[in-house]
N, C-alpha and C. Protein backbone atom coordinates (compact mmCIF):
# COMPACT_ATOMS: atom_id res chain seq x y z
N MET A 1 102.44 70.93 81.97
CA MET A 1 102.79 72.33 81.79
C MET A 1 104.31 72.42 81.66
N ASP A 2 104.78 73.17 80.71
CA ASP A 2 106.22 73.27 80.53
C ASP A 2 106.85 74.28 81.50
N LYS A 3 108.15 74.27 81.55
CA LYS A 3 108.90 75.08 82.51
C LYS A 3 108.61 76.57 82.34
N LYS A 4 108.54 77.01 81.10
CA LYS A 4 108.31 78.43 80.82
C LYS A 4 106.96 78.89 81.38
N LYS A 5 105.93 78.07 81.21
CA LYS A 5 104.60 78.42 81.71
C LYS A 5 104.58 78.41 83.24
N ARG A 6 105.28 77.46 83.85
CA ARG A 6 105.34 77.42 85.31
C ARG A 6 106.03 78.67 85.87
N LEU A 7 107.10 79.07 85.24
CA LEU A 7 107.81 80.28 85.68
C LEU A 7 106.93 81.52 85.54
N LYS A 8 106.18 81.57 84.45
CA LYS A 8 105.26 82.68 84.23
C LYS A 8 104.17 82.69 85.30
N LYS A 9 103.65 81.52 85.64
CA LYS A 9 102.62 81.40 86.67
C LYS A 9 103.17 81.82 88.03
N ILE A 10 104.40 81.41 88.35
CA ILE A 10 105.03 81.79 89.62
C ILE A 10 105.18 83.30 89.69
N LYS A 11 105.64 83.89 88.61
CA LYS A 11 105.81 85.34 88.57
C LYS A 11 104.48 86.06 88.78
N SER A 12 103.43 85.55 88.16
CA SER A 12 102.10 86.14 88.30
C SER A 12 101.60 86.03 89.75
N LEU A 13 101.79 84.87 90.35
CA LEU A 13 101.36 84.67 91.75
C LEU A 13 102.13 85.58 92.70
N GLU A 14 103.42 85.75 92.44
CA GLU A 14 104.22 86.64 93.28
C GLU A 14 103.76 88.09 93.15
N LYS A 15 103.38 88.48 91.95
CA LYS A 15 102.85 89.82 91.72
C LYS A 15 101.55 90.04 92.48
N GLN A 16 100.66 89.05 92.42
CA GLN A 16 99.39 89.14 93.13
C GLN A 16 99.62 89.22 94.65
N LYS A 17 100.56 88.44 95.12
CA LYS A 17 100.89 88.44 96.54
C LYS A 17 101.36 89.81 96.98
N GLU A 18 102.21 90.44 96.18
CA GLU A 18 102.71 91.79 96.51
C GLU A 18 101.58 92.82 96.49
N ARG A 19 100.66 92.69 95.53
CA ARG A 19 99.52 93.62 95.48
C ARG A 19 98.68 93.51 96.75
N HIS A 20 98.47 92.29 97.20
CA HIS A 20 97.69 92.09 98.42
C HIS A 20 98.43 92.65 99.64
N LYS A 21 99.73 92.48 99.69
CA LYS A 21 100.50 93.05 100.80
C LYS A 21 100.39 94.57 100.80
N ASP A 22 100.45 95.17 99.62
CA ASP A 22 100.31 96.62 99.51
C ASP A 22 98.93 97.07 99.98
N LYS A 23 97.91 96.31 99.63
CA LYS A 23 96.55 96.65 100.06
C LYS A 23 96.45 96.63 101.58
N ILE A 24 97.06 95.62 102.20
CA ILE A 24 97.02 95.50 103.66
C ILE A 24 97.73 96.68 104.31
N GLU A 25 98.89 97.05 103.78
CA GLU A 25 99.67 98.15 104.34
C GLU A 25 98.96 99.50 104.22
N SER A 26 98.24 99.69 103.14
CA SER A 26 97.63 100.99 102.91
C SER A 26 96.16 101.05 103.33
N TYR A 27 95.62 99.97 103.85
CA TYR A 27 94.19 99.90 104.17
C TYR A 27 93.87 100.75 105.39
N GLU A 28 92.88 101.61 105.26
CA GLU A 28 92.45 102.47 106.35
C GLU A 28 90.97 102.31 106.67
N GLY A 29 90.36 101.30 106.10
CA GLY A 29 88.92 101.10 106.30
C GLY A 29 88.61 100.40 107.61
N ARG A 30 87.35 100.16 107.79
CA ARG A 30 86.88 99.52 109.02
C ARG A 30 86.55 98.05 108.83
N ASN A 31 86.50 97.61 107.62
CA ASN A 31 86.10 96.23 107.33
C ASN A 31 87.31 95.29 107.48
N TYR A 32 87.45 94.75 108.69
CA TYR A 32 88.60 93.89 108.96
C TYR A 32 88.48 92.53 108.28
N ALA A 33 87.30 92.19 107.83
CA ALA A 33 87.13 90.95 107.08
C ALA A 33 87.96 90.99 105.79
N LEU A 34 88.07 92.18 105.20
CA LEU A 34 88.90 92.32 104.00
C LEU A 34 90.36 92.01 104.31
N LEU A 35 90.84 92.49 105.44
CA LEU A 35 92.23 92.22 105.82
C LEU A 35 92.46 90.72 105.98
N GLU A 36 91.53 90.06 106.63
CA GLU A 36 91.65 88.61 106.81
C GLU A 36 91.62 87.89 105.47
N TYR A 37 90.73 88.37 104.59
CA TYR A 37 90.63 87.77 103.26
C TYR A 37 91.95 87.91 102.51
N TRP A 38 92.54 89.11 102.51
CA TRP A 38 93.80 89.33 101.81
C TRP A 38 94.92 88.50 102.41
N GLU A 39 94.94 88.35 103.73
CA GLU A 39 95.97 87.54 104.37
C GLU A 39 95.84 86.07 103.97
N LYS A 40 94.61 85.58 103.90
CA LYS A 40 94.39 84.20 103.47
C LYS A 40 94.79 84.02 102.01
N GLU A 41 94.49 85.01 101.19
CA GLU A 41 94.89 84.96 99.79
C GLU A 41 96.41 84.88 99.67
N ILE A 42 97.11 85.67 100.45
CA ILE A 42 98.58 85.65 100.43
C ILE A 42 99.08 84.25 100.79
N GLU A 43 98.49 83.64 101.80
CA GLU A 43 98.87 82.27 102.17
C GLU A 43 98.65 81.30 101.01
N ARG A 44 97.52 81.45 100.34
CA ARG A 44 97.22 80.57 99.20
C ARG A 44 98.22 80.80 98.07
N PHE A 45 98.55 82.06 97.82
CA PHE A 45 99.54 82.35 96.77
C PHE A 45 100.87 81.70 97.12
N GLU A 46 101.29 81.79 98.38
CA GLU A 46 102.55 81.20 98.80
C GLU A 46 102.54 79.68 98.64
N GLU A 47 101.42 79.05 98.97
CA GLU A 47 101.29 77.61 98.79
C GLU A 47 101.38 77.24 97.31
N ASP A 48 100.67 77.99 96.49
CA ASP A 48 100.69 77.72 95.04
C ASP A 48 102.09 77.92 94.46
N ILE A 49 102.78 78.95 94.91
CA ILE A 49 104.13 79.20 94.45
C ILE A 49 105.03 78.03 94.82
N SER A 50 104.93 77.57 96.05
CA SER A 50 105.74 76.43 96.50
C SER A 50 105.47 75.18 95.67
N GLU A 51 104.20 74.93 95.41
CA GLU A 51 103.83 73.76 94.61
C GLU A 51 104.41 73.86 93.21
N GLU A 52 104.32 75.03 92.61
CA GLU A 52 104.84 75.19 91.25
C GLU A 52 106.36 75.06 91.23
N LYS A 53 107.03 75.57 92.24
CA LYS A 53 108.49 75.45 92.29
C LYS A 53 108.91 73.99 92.44
N GLU A 54 108.14 73.22 93.20
CA GLU A 54 108.44 71.80 93.36
C GLU A 54 108.31 71.04 92.04
N LYS A 55 107.39 71.49 91.19
CA LYS A 55 107.14 70.82 89.92
C LYS A 55 108.18 71.16 88.86
N LEU A 56 108.97 72.20 89.11
CA LEU A 56 109.98 72.59 88.12
C LEU A 56 111.09 71.57 87.99
């Protein structure tokens, strides 16, 4: 994968991470499993971002 594609992927992952953070902040429901799911997703996004940055 070339540098341009990696940067695009990092940007996309960061965007998804922010969306999940927004969901957590605004969540008023009772299903706490969703909160846990979003938190795990954020962790995965951060790991993927780190991996892609290392490959640059």
